[in-house]
Amino acid sequence: TQALLDANFEYPAINEWNEDSKYFDWWDRVEAA
């Protein structure tokens, strides 16, 4: 997270997605990091 904040990223880095969330597929996603 600190490296991202240093690069002016406002939000923390994500370690793992919650793919069981009912909203997981509510967001447009791609097979890329």
PDB file of all heavy atoms in Angstrom:
ATOM      1  N   THR A   1       0.811  -1.215   0.000  1.00  0.00           N
ATOM      2  CA  THR A   1       0.000   0.000   0.000  1.00  0.00           C
ATOM      3  C   THR A   1       0.845   1.266   0.000  1.00  0.00           C
ATOM      4  O   THR A   1       0.554   2.223  -0.730  1.00  0.00           O
ATOM      5  CB  THR A   1      -0.958   0.004   1.203  1.00  0.00           C
ATOM      6  OG1 THR A   1      -1.907  -1.035   1.034  1.00  0.00           O
ATOM      7  CG2 THR A   1      -1.674   1.337   1.317  1.00  0.00           C
ATOM      8  N   GLN A   2       1.908   1.308   0.801  1.00  0.00           N
ATOM      9  CA  GLN A   2       2.710   2.519   0.895  1.00  0.00           C
ATOM     10  C   GLN A   2       3.334   2.878  -0.443  1.00  0.00           C
ATOM     11  O   GLN A   2       3.402   4.053  -0.817  1.00  0.00           O
ATOM     12  CB  GLN A   2       3.791   2.378   1.958  1.00  0.00           C
ATOM     13  CG  GLN A   2       4.500   3.692   2.272  1.00  0.00           C
ATOM     14  CD  GLN A   2       3.523   4.774   2.713  1.00  0.00           C
ATOM     15  OE1 GLN A   2       2.688   4.568   3.582  1.00  0.00           O
ATOM     16  NE2 GLN A   2       3.609   5.944   2.069  1.00  0.00           N
ATOM     17  N   ALA A   3       3.781   1.856  -1.187  1.00  0.00           N
ATOM     18  CA  ALA A   3       4.352   2.128  -2.504  1.00  0.00           C
ATOM     19  C   ALA A   3       3.320   2.757  -3.419  1.00  0.00           C
ATOM     20  O   ALA A   3       3.615   3.660  -4.205  1.00  0.00           O
ATOM     21  CB  ALA A   3       4.890   0.836  -3.115  1.00  0.00           C
ATOM     22  N   LEU A   4       2.074   2.291  -3.308  1.00  0.00           N
ATOM     23  CA  LEU A   4       1.010   2.853  -4.133  1.00  0.00           C
ATOM     24  C   LEU A   4       0.680   4.277  -3.702  1.00  0.00           C
ATOM     25  O   LEU A   4       0.475   5.158  -4.530  1.00  0.00           O
ATOM     26  CB  LEU A   4      -0.234   1.972  -4.046  1.00  0.00           C
ATOM     27  CG  LEU A   4      -0.092   0.581  -4.661  1.00  0.00           C
ATOM     28  CD1 LEU A   4      -1.292  -0.280  -4.308  1.00  0.00           C
ATOM     29  CD2 LEU A   4       0.063   0.674  -6.166  1.00  0.00           C
ATOM     30  N   LEU A   5       0.653   4.486  -2.376  1.00  0.00           N
ATOM     31  CA  LEU A   5       0.377   5.834  -1.886  1.00  0.00           C
ATOM     32  C   LEU A   5       1.473   6.798  -2.319  1.00  0.00           C
ATOM     33  O   LEU A   5       1.203   7.955  -2.655  1.00  0.00           O
ATOM     34  CB  LEU A   5       0.245   5.822  -0.366  1.00  0.00           C
ATOM     35  CG  LEU A   5      -0.967   5.074   0.195  1.00  0.00           C
ATOM     36  CD1 LEU A   5      -0.918   5.055   1.721  1.00  0.00           C
ATOM     37  CD2 LEU A   5      -2.260   5.701  -0.279  1.00  0.00           C
ATOM     38  N   ASP A   6       2.711   6.298  -2.330  1.00  0.00           N
ATOM     39  CA  ASP A   6       3.831   7.127  -2.792  1.00  0.00           C
ATOM     40  C   ASP A   6       3.673   7.491  -4.260  1.00  0.00           C
ATOM     41  O   ASP A   6       4.190   8.507  -4.722  1.00  0.00           O
ATOM     42  CB  ASP A   6       5.165   6.404  -2.570  1.00  0.00           C
ATOM     43  CG  ASP A   6       5.515   6.281  -1.094  1.00  0.00           C
ATOM     44  OD1 ASP A   6       4.910   7.025  -0.283  1.00  0.00           O
ATOM     45  OD2 ASP A   6       6.367   5.440  -0.759  1.00  0.00           O
ATOM     46  N   ALA A   7       2.969   6.625  -5.009  1.00  0.00           N
ATOM     47  CA  ALA A   7       2.738   6.880  -6.442  1.00  0.00           C
ATOM     48  C   ALA A   7       1.406   7.598  -6.662  1.00  0.00           C
ATOM     49  O   ALA A   7       0.858   7.570  -7.756  1.00  0.00           O
ATOM     50  CB  ALA A   7       2.763   5.561  -7.215  1.00  0.00           C
ATOM     51  N   ASN A   8       0.879   8.218  -5.590  1.00  0.00           N
ATOM     52  CA  ASN A   8      -0.369   8.990  -5.639  1.00  0.00           C
ATOM     53  C   ASN A   8      -1.590   8.125  -5.907  1.00  0.00           C
ATOM     54  O   ASN A   8      -2.555   8.584  -6.509  1.00  0.00           O
ATOM     55  CB  ASN A   8      -0.272  10.110  -6.686  1.00  0.00           C
ATOM     56  CG  ASN A   8       0.755  11.152  -6.299  1.00  0.00           C
ATOM     57  OD1 ASN A   8       0.861  11.516  -5.129  1.00  0.00           O
ATOM     58  ND2 ASN A   8       1.516  11.623  -7.265  1.00  0.00           N
ATOM     59  N   PHE A   9      -1.557   6.854  -5.474  1.00  0.00           N
ATOM     60  CA  PHE A   9      -2.741   6.015  -5.536  1.00  0.00           C
ATOM     61  C   PHE A   9      -3.496   6.210  -4.229  1.00  0.00           C
ATOM     62  O   PHE A   9      -2.956   5.990  -3.145  1.00  0.00           O
ATOM     63  CB  PHE A   9      -2.360   4.533  -5.707  1.00  0.00           C
ATOM     64  CG  PHE A   9      -2.133   4.146  -7.138  1.00  0.00           C
ATOM     65  CD1 PHE A   9      -1.115   4.727  -7.873  1.00  0.00           C
ATOM     66  CD2 PHE A   9      -2.932   3.198  -7.750  1.00  0.00           C
ATOM     67  CE1 PHE A   9      -0.895   4.373  -9.187  1.00  0.00           C
ATOM     68  CE2 PHE A   9      -2.710   2.835  -9.072  1.00  0.00           C
ATOM     69  CZ  PHE A   9      -1.686   3.423  -9.787  1.00  0.00           C
ATOM     70  N   GLU A  10      -4.751   6.593  -4.325  1.00  0.00           N
ATOM     71  CA  GLU A  10      -5.512   6.968  -3.135  1.00  0.00           C
ATOM     72  C   GLU A  10      -5.935   5.757  -2.307  1.00  0.00           C
ATOM     73  O   GLU A  10      -6.106   5.860  -1.099  1.00  0.00           O
ATOM     74  CB  GLU A  10      -6.752   7.749  -3.566  1.00  0.00           C
ATOM     75  CG  GLU A  10      -7.580   8.283  -2.418  1.00  0.00           C
ATOM     76  CD  GLU A  10      -8.778   9.073  -2.897  1.00  0.00           C
ATOM     77  OE1 GLU A  10      -8.855   9.343  -4.117  1.00  0.00           O
ATOM     78  OE2 GLU A  10      -9.624   9.408  -2.064  1.00  0.00           O
ATOM     79  N   TYR A  11      -6.115   4.588  -2.963  1.00  0.00           N
ATOM     80  CA  TYR A  11      -6.660   3.429  -2.271  1.00  0.00           C
ATOM     81  C   TYR A  11      -5.623   2.321  -2.119  1.00  0.00           C
ATOM     82  O   TYR A  11      -4.719   2.189  -2.943  1.00  0.00           O
ATOM     83  CB  TYR A  11      -7.886   2.898  -3.025  1.00  0.00           C
ATOM     84  CG  TYR A  11      -9.067   3.838  -2.933  1.00  0.00           C
ATOM     85  CD1 TYR A  11      -9.280   4.809  -3.904  1.00  0.00           C
ATOM     86  CD2 TYR A  11      -9.951   3.755  -1.867  1.00  0.00           C
ATOM     87  CE1 TYR A  11     -10.362   5.670  -3.810  1.00  0.00           C
ATOM     88  CE2 TYR A  11     -11.031   4.613  -1.770  1.00  0.00           C
ATOM     89  CZ  TYR A  11     -11.238   5.568  -2.742  1.00  0.00           C
ATOM     90  OH  TYR A  11     -12.292   6.425  -2.633  1.00  0.00           O
ATOM     91  N   PRO A  12      -5.756   1.486  -1.068  1.00  0.00           N
ATOM     92  CA  PRO A  12      -4.770   0.426  -0.815  1.00  0.00           C
ATOM     93  C   PRO A  12      -4.719  -0.613  -1.932  1.00  0.00           C
ATOM     94  O   PRO A  12      -5.669  -0.796  -2.687  1.00  0.00           O
ATOM     95  CB  PRO A  12      -5.267  -0.206   0.490  1.00  0.00           C
ATOM     96  CG  PRO A  12      -6.173   0.795   1.103  1.00  0.00           C
ATOM     97  CD  PRO A  12      -6.776   1.561  -0.028  1.00  0.00           C
ATOM     98  N   ALA A  13      -3.598  -1.338  -1.974  1.00  0.00           N
ATOM     99  CA  ALA A  13      -3.458  -2.455  -2.905  1.00  0.00           C
ATOM    100  C   ALA A  13      -4.355  -3.599  -2.453  1.00  0.00           C
ATOM    101  O   ALA A  13      -4.549  -3.818  -1.262  1.00  0.00           O
ATOM    102  CB  ALA A  13      -2.006  -2.916  -2.945  1.00  0.00           C
ATOM    103  N   ILE A  14      -4.902  -4.314  -3.411  1.00  0.00           N
ATOM    104  CA  ILE A  14      -5.763  -5.453  -3.102  1.00  0.00           C
ATOM    105  C   ILE A  14      -4.945  -6.733  -3.168  1.00  0.00           C
ATOM    106  O   ILE A  14      -4.190  -6.960  -4.115  1.00  0.00           O
ATOM    107  CB  ILE A  14      -6.952  -5.518  -4.083  1.00  0.00           C
ATOM    108  CG1 ILE A  14      -7.881  -4.317  -3.839  1.00  0.00           C
ATOM    109  CG2 ILE A  14      -7.718  -6.826  -3.937  1.00  0.00           C
ATOM    110  CD1 ILE A  14      -9.008  -4.196  -4.822  1.00  0.00           C
ATOM    111  N   ASN A  15      -5.104  -7.545  -2.146  1.00  0.00           N
ATOM    112  CA  ASN A  15      -4.398  -8.823  -2.092  1.00  0.00           C
ATOM    113  C   ASN A  15      -5.228  -9.942  -2.706  1.00  0.00           C
ATOM    114  O   ASN A  15      -4.715 -10.793  -3.430  1.00  0.00           O
ATOM    115  CB  ASN A  15      -4.055  -9.166  -0.636  1.00  0.00           C
ATOM    116  CG  ASN A  15      -3.157 -10.375  -0.529  1.00  0.00           C
ATOM    117  OD1 ASN A  15      -2.155 -10.460  -1.238  1.00  0.00           O
ATOM    118  ND2 ASN A  15      -3.494 -11.307   0.347  1.00  0.00           N
ATOM    119  N   GLU A  16      -6.545  -9.919  -2.427  1.00  0.00           N
ATOM    120  CA  GLU A  16      -7.420 -10.982  -2.919  1.00  0.00           C
ATOM    121  C   GLU A  16      -8.834 -10.444  -3.090  1.00  0.00           C
ATOM    122  O   GLU A  16      -9.318  -9.658  -2.270  1.00  0.00           O
ATOM    123  CB  GLU A  16      -7.422 -12.155  -1.919  1.00  0.00           C
ATOM    124  CG  GLU A  16      -8.260 -13.343  -2.342  1.00  0.00           C
ATOM    125  CD  GLU A  16      -8.287 -14.427  -1.283  1.00  0.00           C
ATOM    126  OE1 GLU A  16      -7.688 -14.223  -0.202  1.00  0.00           O
ATOM    127  OE2 GLU A  16      -8.918 -15.472  -1.534  1.00  0.00           O
ATOM    128  N   TRP A  17      -9.496 -10.869  -4.180  1.00  0.00           N
ATOM    129  CA  TRP A  17     -10.889 -10.496  -4.413  1.00  0.00           C
ATOM    130  C   TRP A  17     -11.819 -11.422  -3.651  1.00  0.00           C
ATOM    131  O   TRP A  17     -11.512 -12.595  -3.433  1.00  0.00           O
ATOM    132  CB  TRP A  17     -11.233 -10.584  -5.898  1.00  0.00           C
ATOM    133  CG  TRP A  17     -10.518  -9.614  -6.776  1.00  0.00           C
ATOM    134  CD1 TRP A  17      -9.556  -9.894  -7.695  1.00  0.00           C
ATOM    135  CD2 TRP A  17     -10.723  -8.193  -6.838  1.00  0.00           C
ATOM    136  NE1 TRP A  17      -9.138  -8.743  -8.326  1.00  0.00           N
ATOM    137  CE2 TRP A  17      -9.827  -7.688  -7.823  1.00  0.00           C
ATOM    138  CE3 TRP A  17     -11.548  -7.307  -6.152  1.00  0.00           C
ATOM    139  CZ2 TRP A  17      -9.757  -6.334  -8.133  1.00  0.00           C
ATOM    140  CZ3 TRP A  17     -11.485  -5.950  -6.474  1.00  0.00           C
ATOM    141  CH2 TRP A  17     -10.596  -5.482  -7.449  1.00  0.00           C
ATOM    142  N   ASN A  18     -12.972 -10.908  -3.285  1.00  0.00           N
ATOM    143  CA  ASN A  18     -14.044 -11.711  -2.705  1.00  0.00           C
ATOM    144  C   ASN A  18     -14.982 -12.143  -3.827  1.00  0.00           C
ATOM    145  O   ASN A  18     -15.972 -11.471  -4.114  1.00  0.00           O
ATOM    146  CB  ASN A  18     -14.796 -10.908  -1.644  1.00  0.00           C
ATOM    147  CG  ASN A  18     -16.011 -11.646  -1.105  1.00  0.00           C
ATOM    148  OD1 ASN A  18     -16.118 -12.872  -1.238  1.00  0.00           O
ATOM    149  ND2 ASN A  18     -16.937 -10.902  -0.516  1.00  0.00           N
ATOM    150  N   GLU A  19     -14.669 -13.245  -4.468  1.00  0.00           N
ATOM    151  CA  GLU A  19     -15.459 -13.679  -5.625  1.00  0.00           C
ATOM    152  C   GLU A  19     -16.815 -14.246  -5.211  1.00  0.00           C
ATOM    153  O   GLU A  19     -17.654 -14.530  -6.067  1.00  0.00           O
ATOM    154  CB  GLU A  19     -14.659 -14.682  -6.451  1.00  0.00           C
ATOM    155  CG  GLU A  19     -13.388 -14.068  -7.023  1.00  0.00           C
ATOM    156  CD  GLU A  19     -12.777 -14.872  -8.154  1.00  0.00           C
ATOM    157  OE1 GLU A  19     -13.530 -15.576  -8.856  1.00  0.00           O
ATOM    158  OE2 GLU A  19     -11.546 -14.771  -8.343  1.00  0.00           O
ATOM    159  N   ASP A  20     -17.046 -14.417  -3.914  1.00  0.00           N
ATOM    160  CA  ASP A  20     -18.355 -14.856  -3.432  1.00  0.00           C
ATOM    161  C   ASP A  20     -19.316 -13.679  -3.241  1.00  0.00           C
ATOM    162  O   ASP A  20     -20.505 -13.887  -2.987  1.00  0.00           O
ATOM    163  CB  ASP A  20     -18.207 -15.597  -2.099  1.00  0.00           C
ATOM    164  CG  ASP A  20     -17.490 -16.931  -2.259  1.00  0.00           C
ATOM    165  OD1 ASP A  20     -17.624 -17.547  -3.333  1.00  0.00           O
ATOM    166  OD2 ASP A  20     -16.786 -17.348  -1.311  1.00  0.00           O
ATOM    167  N   SER A  21     -18.804 -12.460  -3.364  1.00  0.00           N
ATOM    168  CA  SER A  21     -19.674 -11.284  -3.222  1.00  0.00           C
ATOM    169  C   SER A  21     -20.739 -11.280  -4.312  1.00  0.00           C
ATOM    170  O   SER A  21     -20.455 -11.555  -5.477  1.00  0.00           O
ATOM    171  CB  SER A  21     -18.841  -9.995  -3.317  1.00  0.00           C
ATOM    172  OG  SER A  21     -19.681  -8.867  -3.469  1.00  0.00           O
ATOM    173  N   LYS A  22     -21.972 -10.957  -3.945  1.00  0.00           N
ATOM    174  CA  LYS A  22     -23.041 -10.872  -4.940  1.00  0.00           C
ATOM    175  C   LYS A  22     -22.777  -9.768  -5.957  1.00  0.00           C
ATOM    176  O   LYS A  22     -23.373  -9.742  -7.031  1.00  0.00           O
ATOM    177  CB  LYS A  22     -24.385 -10.646  -4.257  1.00  0.00           C
ATOM    178  CG  LYS A  22     -24.521  -9.317  -3.529  1.00  0.00           C
ATOM    179  CD  LYS A  22     -25.905  -9.120  -2.911  1.00  0.00           C
ATOM    180  CE  LYS A  22     -26.952  -8.816  -3.966  1.00  0.00           C
ATOM    181  NZ  LYS A  22     -28.272  -8.479  -3.372  1.00  0.00           N
ATOM    182  N   TYR A  23     -21.869  -8.856  -5.586  1.00  0.00           N
ATOM    183  CA  TYR A  23     -21.577  -7.727  -6.468  1.00  0.00           C
ATOM    184  C   TYR A  23     -20.313  -7.935  -7.303  1.00  0.00           C
ATOM    185  O   TYR A  23     -19.936  -7.030  -8.053  1.00  0.00           O
ATOM    186  CB  TYR A  23     -21.423  -6.447  -5.635  1.00  0.00           C
ATOM    187  CG  TYR A  23     -22.631  -6.129  -4.804  1.00  0.00           C
ATOM    188  CD1 TYR A  23     -22.573  -6.162  -3.412  1.00  0.00           C
ATOM    189  CD2 TYR A  23     -23.844  -5.806  -5.404  1.00  0.00           C
ATOM    190  CE1 TYR A  23     -23.693  -5.871  -2.638  1.00  0.00           C
ATOM    191  CE2 TYR A  23     -24.972  -5.520  -4.641  1.00  0.00           C
ATOM    192  CZ  TYR A  23     -24.884  -5.553  -3.263  1.00  0.00           C
ATOM    193  OH  TYR A  23     -25.998  -5.274  -2.514  1.00  0.00           O
ATOM    194  N   PHE A  24     -19.686  -9.097  -7.185  1.00  0.00           N
ATOM    195  CA  PHE A  24     -18.409  -9.292  -7.879  1.00  0.00           C
ATOM    196  C   PHE A  24     -18.554  -9.079  -9.383  1.00  0.00           C
ATOM    197  O   PHE A  24     -17.730  -8.420 -10.012  1.00  0.00           O
ATOM    198  CB  PHE A  24     -17.839 -10.680  -7.594  1.00  0.00           C
ATOM    199  CG  PHE A  24     -16.450 -10.875  -8.140  1.00  0.00           C
ATOM    200  CD1 PHE A  24     -15.361 -10.306  -7.499  1.00  0.00           C
ATOM    201  CD2 PHE A  24     -16.237 -11.586  -9.318  1.00  0.00           C
ATOM    202  CE1 PHE A  24     -14.068 -10.456  -8.007  1.00  0.00           C
ATOM    203  CE2 PHE A  24     -14.955 -11.738  -9.826  1.00  0.00           C
ATOM    204  CZ  PHE A  24     -13.870 -11.181  -9.173  1.00  0.00           C
ATOM    205  N   ASP A  25     -19.619  -9.626  -9.970  1.00  0.00           N
ATOM    206  CA  ASP A  25     -19.828  -9.499 -11.414  1.00  0.00           C
ATOM    207  C   ASP A  25     -20.590  -8.237 -11.794  1.00  0.00           C
ATOM    208  O   ASP A  25     -20.965  -8.066 -12.950  1.00  0.00           O
ATOM    209  CB  ASP A  25     -20.565 -10.732 -11.950  1.00  0.00           C
ATOM    210  CG  ASP A  25     -19.698 -11.977 -11.901  1.00  0.00           C
ATOM    211  OD1 ASP A  25     -18.473 -11.835 -12.037  1.00  0.00           O
ATOM    212  OD2 ASP A  25     -20.244 -13.079 -11.714  1.00  0.00           O
ATOM    213  N   TRP A  26     -20.813  -7.357 -10.824  1.00  0.00           N
ATOM    214  CA  TRP A  26     -21.444  -6.073 -11.141  1.00  0.00           C
ATOM    215  C   TRP A  26     -20.426  -5.113 -11.759  1.00  0.00           C
ATOM    216  O   TRP A  26     -20.808  -4.063 -12.271  1.00  0.00           O
ATOM    217  CB  TRP A  26     -22.020  -5.444  -9.873  1.00  0.00           C
ATOM    218  CG  TRP A  26     -23.325  -6.047  -9.439  1.00  0.00           C
ATOM    219  CD1 TRP A  26     -23.658  -7.364  -9.396  1.00  0.00           C
ATOM    220  CD2 TRP A  26     -24.478  -5.329  -8.972  1.00  0.00           C
ATOM    221  NE1 TRP A  26     -24.934  -7.526  -8.921  1.00  0.00           N
ATOM    222  CE2 TRP A  26     -25.464  -6.289  -8.649  1.00  0.00           C
ATOM    223  CE3 TRP A  26     -24.760  -3.979  -8.773  1.00  0.00           C
ATOM    224  CZ2 TRP A  26     -26.730  -5.938  -8.150  1.00  0.00           C
ATOM    225  CZ3 TRP A  26     -26.006  -3.631  -8.277  1.00  0.00           C
ATOM    226  CH2 TRP A  26     -26.979  -4.594  -7.985  1.00  0.00           C
ATOM    227  N   TRP A  27     -19.151  -5.504 -11.710  1.00  0.00           N
ATOM    228  CA  TRP A  27     -18.087  -4.618 -12.175  1.00  0.00           C
ATOM    229  C   TRP A  27     -17.416  -5.213 -13.402  1.00  0.00           C
ATOM    230  O   TRP A  27     -17.153  -6.421 -13.460  1.00  0.00           O
ATOM    231  CB  TRP A  27     -17.071  -4.375 -11.061  1.00  0.00           C
ATOM    232  CG  TRP A  27     -17.748  -3.891  -9.827  1.00  0.00           C
ATOM    233  CD1 TRP A  27     -18.154  -4.635  -8.755  1.00  0.00           C
ATOM    234  CD2 TRP A  27     -18.202  -2.555  -9.566  1.00  0.00           C
ATOM    235  NE1 TRP A  27     -18.807  -3.849  -7.842  1.00  0.00           N
ATOM    236  CE2 TRP A  27     -18.857  -2.571  -8.310  1.00  0.00           C
ATOM    237  CE3 TRP A  27     -18.106  -1.352 -10.269  1.00  0.00           C
ATOM    238  CZ2 TRP A  27     -19.416  -1.427  -7.748  1.00  0.00           C
ATOM    239  CZ3 TRP A  27     -18.661  -0.209  -9.712  1.00  0.00           C
ATOM    240  CH2 TRP A  27     -19.303  -0.251  -8.469  1.00  0.00           C
ATOM    241  N   ASP A  28     -17.142  -4.380 -14.383  1.00  0.00           N
ATOM    242  CA  ASP A  28     -16.473  -4.822 -15.602  1.00  0.00           C
ATOM    243  C   ASP A  28     -15.052  -5.251 -15.259  1.00  0.00           C
ATOM    244  O   ASP A  28     -14.303  -4.497 -14.637  1.00  0.00           O
ATOM    245  CB  ASP A  28     -16.459  -3.670 -16.619  1.00  0.00           C
ATOM    246  CG  ASP A  28     -15.868  -4.095 -17.943  1.00  0.00           C
ATOM    247  OD1 ASP A  28     -16.341  -5.085 -18.503  1.00  0.00           O
ATOM    248  OD2 ASP A  28     -14.921  -3.424 -18.402  1.00  0.00           O
ATOM    249  N   ARG A  29     -14.680  -6.473 -15.669  1.00  0.00           N
ATOM    250  CA  ARG A  29     -13.373  -7.022 -15.304  1.00  0.00           C
ATOM    251  C   ARG A  29     -12.653  -7.587 -16.520  1.00  0.00           C
ATOM    252  O   ARG A  29     -13.278  -7.955 -17.527  1.00  0.00           O
ATOM    253  CB  ARG A  29     -13.527  -8.123 -14.238  1.00  0.00           C
ATOM    254  CG  ARG A  29     -14.080  -7.600 -12.927  1.00  0.00           C
ATOM    255  CD  ARG A  29     -14.201  -8.688 -11.869  1.00  0.00           C
ATOM    256  NE  ARG A  29     -14.774  -8.151 -10.644  1.00  0.00           N
ATOM    257  CZ  ARG A  29     -14.086  -7.535  -9.692  1.00  0.00           C
ATOM    258  NH1 ARG A  29     -12.764  -7.408  -9.806  1.00  0.00           N
ATOM    259  NH2 ARG A  29     -14.677  -7.059  -8.613  1.00  0.00           N
ATOM    260  N   VAL A  30     -11.342  -7.653 -16.407  1.00  0.00           N
ATOM    261  CA  VAL A  30     -10.506  -8.200 -17.473  1.00  0.00           C
ATOM    262  C   VAL A  30      -9.495  -9.158 -16.873  1.00  0.00           C
ATOM    263  O   VAL A  30      -9.158  -9.087 -15.690  1.00  0.00           O
ATOM    264  CB  VAL A  30      -9.770  -7.085 -18.255  1.00  0.00           C
ATOM    265  CG1 VAL A  30     -10.746  -6.243 -19.051  1.00  0.00           C
ATOM    266  CG2 VAL A  30      -8.950  -6.209 -17.310  1.00  0.00           C
ATOM    267  N   GLU A  31      -9.001 -10.064 -17.716  1.00  0.00           N
ATOM    268  CA  GLU A  31      -8.004 -11.048 -17.270  1.00  0.00           C
ATOM    269  C   GLU A  31      -6.608 -10.436 -17.334  1.00  0.00           C
ATOM    270  O   GLU A  31      -5.749 -10.873 -18.095  1.00  0.00           O
ATOM    271  CB  GLU A  31      -8.104 -12.311 -18.133  1.00  0.00           C
ATOM    272  CG  GLU A  31      -9.350 -13.116 -17.877  1.00  0.00           C
ATOM    273  CD  GLU A  31      -9.426 -13.626 -16.436  1.00  0.00           C
ATOM    274  OE1 GLU A  31      -8.399 -14.115 -15.925  1.00  0.00           O
ATOM    275  OE2 GLU A  31     -10.510 -13.513 -15.828  1.00  0.00           O
ATOM    276  N   ALA A  32      -6.417  -9.416 -16.554  1.00  0.00           N
ATOM    277  CA  ALA A  32      -5.116  -8.755 -16.462  1.00  0.00           C
ATOM    278  C   ALA A  32      -5.016  -8.129 -15.085  1.00  0.00           C
ATOM    279  O   ALA A  32      -6.029  -7.776 -14.470  1.00  0.00           O
ATOM    280  CB  ALA A  32      -4.966  -7.694 -17.544  1.00  0.00           C
ATOM    281  N   ALA A  33      -3.805  -8.037 -14.590  1.00  0.00           N
ATOM    282  CA  ALA A  33      -3.592  -7.405 -13.288  1.00  0.00           C
ATOM    283  C   ALA A  33      -3.569  -5.895 -13.436  1.00  0.00           C
ATOM    284  O   ALA A  33      -3.150  -5.361 -14.469  1.00  0.00           O
ATOM    285  CB  ALA A  33      -2.284  -7.900 -12.676  1.00  0.00           C
TER     286      ALA A  33
END
